[in-house]
């Protein structure tokens, strides 16, 4: 895998969208929507077509990094902000002035085993300032440095 561009980590609860969902439909493009934090939204906007991201599972028995996905295309308005029946409806958003964006993603790779958050925490010093390991971090989208990417990947792919 050629490592170019920016790197990210995006978290989802597996009962909403999992790495298995992406893998089962590996040619399908999925919307990464429902992000309702301004900092995370800004990071979605900073992404470029082709950037790679760690797909992390959260709020589950073993939270951690489950695999890799790729960003495809450009940001676009998150349609859930306009849907009054959606948990992500935003009454302040209008078609002319959307407040929230989403990205399209595709499957790249599923790891043989989840790289548990607990293992990542045991290497906190090596990771340095890794957003995922910060106290009270609830963001679903965050940047990952190239060094952090390579380090996490080395843990995920070792036998």
C-alpha atoms as a PDB file:
ATOM      1  CA  UNK A   1       0.000   0.000   0.000  1.00  0.00           C
ATOM      2  CA  UNK A   2       1.453   3.346  -1.048  1.00  0.00           C
ATOM      3  CA  UNK A   3       1.243   5.849   1.788  1.00  0.00           C
ATOM      4  CA  UNK A   4       0.570   9.316   0.414  1.00  0.00           C
ATOM      5  CA  UNK A   5      -1.800  12.120   1.344  1.00  0.00           C
ATOM      6  CA  UNK A   6      -3.301  12.716   4.747  1.00  0.00           C
ATOM      7  CA  UNK A   7      -4.380  10.078   7.246  1.00  0.00           C
ATOM      8  CA  UNK A   8      -7.447   9.969   9.432  1.00  0.00           C
ATOM      9  CA  UNK A   9      -9.329   7.905  11.963  1.00  0.00           C
ATOM     10  CA  UNK A  10     -13.104   7.654  11.770  1.00  0.00           C
ATOM     11  CA  UNK A  11     -15.183   5.909  14.428  1.00  0.00           C
ATOM     12  CA  UNK A  12     -18.537   4.233  14.061  1.00  0.00           C
ATOM     13  CA  UNK A  13     -20.619   2.017  16.276  1.00  0.00           C
ATOM     14  CA  UNK A  14     -20.613  -1.393  14.571  1.00  0.00           C
ATOM     15  CA  UNK A  15     -24.404  -1.707  14.786  1.00  0.00           C
ATOM     16  CA  UNK A  16     -24.674   1.533  12.739  1.00  0.00           C
ATOM     17  CA  UNK A  17     -21.881   0.887  10.209  1.00  0.00           C
ATOM     18  CA  UNK A  18     -19.059  -1.617  10.616  1.00  0.00           C
ATOM     19  CA  UNK A  19     -15.965  -2.629   8.699  1.00  0.00           C
ATOM     20  CA  UNK A  20     -17.877  -5.819   7.853  1.00  0.00           C
ATOM     21  CA  UNK A  21     -20.602  -3.727   6.191  1.00  0.00           C
ATOM     22  CA  UNK A  22     -17.993  -2.058   4.007  1.00  0.00           C
ATOM     23  CA  UNK A  23     -16.228  -5.351   3.260  1.00  0.00           C
ATOM     24  CA  UNK A  24     -19.491  -7.079   2.306  1.00  0.00           C
ATOM     25  CA  UNK A  25     -20.148  -4.409  -0.297  1.00  0.00           C
ATOM     26  CA  UNK A  26     -16.564  -3.639  -1.251  1.00  0.00           C
ATOM     27  CA  UNK A  27     -17.506  -1.870  -4.484  1.00  0.00           C
ATOM     28  CA  UNK A  28     -20.196   0.253  -2.844  1.00  0.00           C
ATOM     29  CA  UNK A  29     -19.668   3.846  -1.742  1.00  0.00           C
ATOM     30  CA  UNK A  30     -21.002   4.652   1.740  1.00  0.00           C
ATOM     31  CA  UNK A  31     -21.894   8.096   3.107  1.00  0.00           C
ATOM     32  CA  UNK A  32     -20.082   8.979   6.323  1.00  0.00           C
ATOM     33  CA  UNK A  33     -22.807  11.198   7.709  1.00  0.00           C
ATOM     34  CA  UNK A  34     -24.307  12.252  11.023  1.00  0.00           C
ATOM     35  CA  UNK A  35     -21.207  14.101  12.272  1.00  0.00           C
ATOM     36  CA  UNK A  36     -22.478  16.867  14.567  1.00  0.00           C
ATOM     37  CA  UNK A  37     -19.346  18.342  16.067  1.00  0.00           C
ATOM     38  CA  UNK A  38     -17.876  21.453  14.448  1.00  0.00           C
ATOM     39  CA  UNK A  39     -14.258  20.364  14.906  1.00  0.00           C
ATOM     40  CA  UNK A  40     -14.952  16.944  13.381  1.00  0.00           C
ATOM     41  CA  UNK A  41     -16.930  18.624  10.587  1.00  0.00           C
ATOM     42  CA  UNK A  42     -13.955  20.847   9.802  1.00  0.00           C
ATOM     43  CA  UNK A  43     -11.702  17.800   9.607  1.00  0.00           C
ATOM     44  CA  UNK A  44     -14.158  16.180   7.179  1.00  0.00           C
ATOM     45  CA  UNK A  45     -13.729  19.301   5.062  1.00  0.00           C
ATOM     46  CA  UNK A  46      -9.934  19.001   5.259  1.00  0.00           C
ATOM     47  CA  UNK A  47      -9.960  15.519   3.740  1.00  0.00           C
ATOM     48  CA  UNK A  48      -8.945  14.925   0.163  1.00  0.00           C
ATOM     49  CA  UNK A  49     -10.083  12.368  -2.379  1.00  0.00           C
ATOM     50  CA  UNK A  50      -7.884   9.309  -1.888  1.00  0.00           C
ATOM     51  CA  UNK A  51      -6.964   9.905   1.754  1.00  0.00           C
ATOM     52  CA  UNK A  52      -6.877   6.763   3.883  1.00  0.00           C
ATOM     53  CA  UNK A  53      -8.529   6.380   7.256  1.00  0.00           C
ATOM     54  CA  UNK A  54      -8.480   3.859  10.044  1.00  0.00           C
ATOM     55  CA  UNK A  55     -11.991   2.507  10.526  1.00  0.00           C
ATOM     56  CA  UNK A  56     -12.503   2.234  14.272  1.00  0.00           C
ATOM     57  CA  UNK A  57     -15.357   0.575  16.126  1.00  0.00           C
ATOM     58  CA  UNK A  58     -16.623   2.356  19.241  1.00  0.00           C
ATOM     59  CA  UNK A  59     -19.258   1.708  21.899  1.00  0.00           C
ATOM     60  CA  UNK A  60     -18.843  -2.040  21.578  1.00  0.00           C
ATOM     61  CA  UNK A  61     -17.337  -4.978  23.471  1.00  0.00           C
ATOM     62  CA  UNK A  62     -13.825  -4.445  22.027  1.00  0.00           C
ATOM     63  CA  UNK A  63     -13.409  -0.883  20.768  1.00  0.00           C
ATOM     64  CA  UNK A  64     -10.501  -0.392  18.429  1.00  0.00           C
ATOM     65  CA  UNK A  65      -9.260  -0.158  14.864  1.00  0.00           C
ATOM     66  CA  UNK A  66     -10.906  -2.732  12.615  1.00  0.00           C
ATOM     67  CA  UNK A  67      -9.462  -1.852   9.216  1.00  0.00           C
ATOM     68  CA  UNK A  68      -8.841   0.780   6.576  1.00  0.00           C
ATOM     69  CA  UNK A  69     -11.090   2.792   4.293  1.00  0.00           C
ATOM     70  CA  UNK A  70     -10.522   5.417   1.618  1.00  0.00           C
ATOM     71  CA  UNK A  71     -12.139   8.811   1.088  1.00  0.00           C
ATOM     72  CA  UNK A  72     -13.671   9.172  -2.379  1.00  0.00           C
ATOM     73  CA  UNK A  73     -14.770  12.394  -4.019  1.00  0.00           C
ATOM     74  CA  UNK A  74     -15.412  15.746  -2.411  1.00  0.00           C
ATOM     75  CA  UNK A  75     -17.333  16.772   0.653  1.00  0.00           C
ATOM     76  CA  UNK A  76     -21.031  17.373   0.131  1.00  0.00           C
ATOM     77  CA  UNK A  77     -23.936  18.452   2.322  1.00  0.00           C
ATOM     78  CA  UNK A  78     -25.040  15.785   4.774  1.00  0.00           C
ATOM     79  CA  UNK A  79     -28.598  14.938   3.689  1.00  0.00           C
ATOM     80  CA  UNK A  80     -29.599  13.844   7.207  1.00  0.00           C
ATOM     81  CA  UNK A  81     -29.518  17.475   8.394  1.00  0.00           C
ATOM     82  CA  UNK A  82     -32.591  18.193   6.237  1.00  0.00           C
ATOM     83  CA  UNK A  83     -34.558  15.048   7.178  1.00  0.00           C
ATOM     84  CA  UNK A  84     -37.025  15.870   9.963  1.00  0.00           C
ATOM     85  CA  UNK A  85     -37.321  12.150  10.728  1.00  0.00           C
ATOM     86  CA  UNK A  86     -33.577  11.755  11.264  1.00  0.00           C
ATOM     87  CA  UNK A  87     -31.787  11.806  14.602  1.00  0.00           C
ATOM     88  CA  UNK A  88     -29.362  14.150  12.839  1.00  0.00           C
ATOM     89  CA  UNK A  89     -31.947  16.714  11.686  1.00  0.00           C
ATOM     90  CA  UNK A  90     -30.800  20.309  12.165  1.00  0.00           C
ATOM     91  CA  UNK A  91     -33.541  22.939  12.054  1.00  0.00           C
ATOM     92  CA  UNK A  92     -30.937  25.674  11.455  1.00  0.00           C
ATOM     93  CA  UNK A  93     -29.639  24.021   8.275  1.00  0.00           C
ATOM     94  CA  UNK A  94     -31.096  24.978   4.905  1.00  0.00           C
ATOM     95  CA  UNK A  95     -30.368  23.710   1.422  1.00  0.00           C
ATOM     96  CA  UNK A  96     -28.870  27.126   0.608  1.00  0.00           C
ATOM     97  CA  UNK A  97     -26.830  27.188   3.835  1.00  0.00           C
ATOM     98  CA  UNK A  98     -26.055  23.667   4.999  1.00  0.00           C
ATOM     99  CA  UNK A  99     -24.274  23.379   8.331  1.00  0.00           C
ATOM    100  CA  UNK A 100     -22.992  19.804   8.063  1.00  0.00           C
ATOM    101  CA  UNK A 101     -21.007  17.879   5.481  1.00  0.00           C
ATOM    102  CA  UNK A 102     -20.394  14.224   4.828  1.00  0.00           C
ATOM    103  CA  UNK A 103     -17.822  12.241   2.922  1.00  0.00           C
ATOM    104  CA  UNK A 104     -18.105   9.169   0.774  1.00  0.00           C
ATOM    105  CA  UNK A 105     -15.947   6.210   1.759  1.00  0.00           C
ATOM    106  CA  UNK A 106     -15.027   2.798   0.394  1.00  0.00           C
ATOM    107  CA  UNK A 107     -13.530  -0.354   1.833  1.00  0.00           C
ATOM    108  CA  UNK A 108      -9.791  -0.985   1.577  1.00  0.00           C
ATOM    109  CA  UNK A 109      -8.856  -3.627   4.133  1.00  0.00           C
ATOM    110  CA  UNK A 110     -10.183  -5.443   7.194  1.00  0.00           C
ATOM    111  CA  UNK A 111      -7.604  -6.428   9.809  1.00  0.00           C
ATOM    112  CA  UNK A 112      -7.487 -10.079  10.863  1.00  0.00           C
ATOM    113  CA  UNK A 113      -8.129  -8.908  14.431  1.00  0.00           C
ATOM    114  CA  UNK A 114      -9.310  -5.636  15.894  1.00  0.00           C
ATOM    115  CA  UNK A 115      -6.439  -3.525  17.206  1.00  0.00           C
ATOM    116  CA  UNK A 116      -7.909  -2.827  20.649  1.00  0.00           C
ATOM    117  CA  UNK A 117      -8.021   0.672  22.075  1.00  0.00           C
ATOM    118  CA  UNK A 118      -6.478  -0.789  25.244  1.00  0.00           C
ATOM    119  CA  UNK A 119      -3.399  -1.885  23.276  1.00  0.00           C
ATOM    120  CA  UNK A 120      -3.132   1.524  21.637  1.00  0.00           C
ATOM    121  CA  UNK A 121      -3.262   3.140  25.085  1.00  0.00           C
ATOM    122  CA  UNK A 122      -0.433   0.889  26.275  1.00  0.00           C
ATOM    123  CA  UNK A 123       1.741   2.594  23.630  1.00  0.00           C
ATOM    124  CA  UNK A 124       0.591   6.159  24.364  1.00  0.00           C
ATOM    125  CA  UNK A 125       4.134   7.470  24.771  1.00  0.00           C
ATOM    126  CA  UNK A 126       5.149   6.145  21.348  1.00  0.00           C
ATOM    127  CA  UNK A 127       2.075   7.725  19.723  1.00  0.00           C
ATOM    128  CA  UNK A 128       2.661  11.161  21.230  1.00  0.00           C
ATOM    129  CA  UNK A 129      -0.314  13.492  20.790  1.00  0.00           C
ATOM    130  CA  UNK A 130      -2.762  11.020  19.274  1.00  0.00           C
ATOM    131  CA  UNK A 131      -6.295  12.447  19.356  1.00  0.00           C
ATOM    132  CA  UNK A 132      -7.809   9.000  19.886  1.00  0.00           C
ATOM    133  CA  UNK A 133      -5.921   8.586  23.149  1.00  0.00           C
ATOM    134  CA  UNK A 134      -6.786  11.981  24.632  1.00  0.00           C
ATOM    135  CA  UNK A 135      -8.994  11.979  27.720  1.00  0.00           C
ATOM    136  CA  UNK A 136     -12.692  12.533  27.047  1.00  0.00           C
ATOM    137  CA  UNK A 137     -12.194  12.302  23.287  1.00  0.00           C
ATOM    138  CA  UNK A 138     -15.615  11.673  21.818  1.00  0.00           C
ATOM    139  CA  UNK A 139     -14.923  12.861  18.272  1.00  0.00           C
ATOM    140  CA  UNK A 140     -15.804  10.488  15.466  1.00  0.00           C
ATOM    141  CA  UNK A 141     -13.333  12.013  12.987  1.00  0.00           C
ATOM    142  CA  UNK A 142      -9.729  12.978  13.694  1.00  0.00           C
ATOM    143  CA  UNK A 143      -6.390  13.408  11.945  1.00  0.00           C
ATOM    144  CA  UNK A 144      -3.592  10.860  12.286  1.00  0.00           C
ATOM    145  CA  UNK A 145       0.018  11.783  11.583  1.00  0.00           C
ATOM    146  CA  UNK A 146       2.045   9.694   9.149  1.00  0.00           C
ATOM    147  CA  UNK A 147       4.189   8.414  12.043  1.00  0.00           C
ATOM    148  CA  UNK A 148       1.089   7.444  14.071  1.00  0.00           C
ATOM    149  CA  UNK A 149      -0.388   5.753  11.002  1.00  0.00           C
ATOM    150  CA  UNK A 150       2.722   3.633  10.470  1.00  0.00           C
ATOM    151  CA  UNK A 151       2.968   2.747  14.163  1.00  0.00           C
ATOM    152  CA  UNK A 152      -0.679   1.678  14.464  1.00  0.00           C
ATOM    153  CA  UNK A 153      -0.422  -0.238  11.200  1.00  0.00           C
ATOM    154  CA  UNK A 154       2.625  -2.106  12.506  1.00  0.00           C
ATOM    155  CA  UNK A 155       0.647  -3.227  15.579  1.00  0.00           C
ATOM    156  CA  UNK A 156      -2.382  -4.193  13.495  1.00  0.00           C
ATOM    157  CA  UNK A 157      -0.496  -6.274  10.959  1.00  0.00           C
ATOM    158  CA  UNK A 158       1.949  -8.152  13.153  1.00  0.00           C
ATOM    159  CA  UNK A 159       1.385 -11.868  13.449  1.00  0.00           C
END
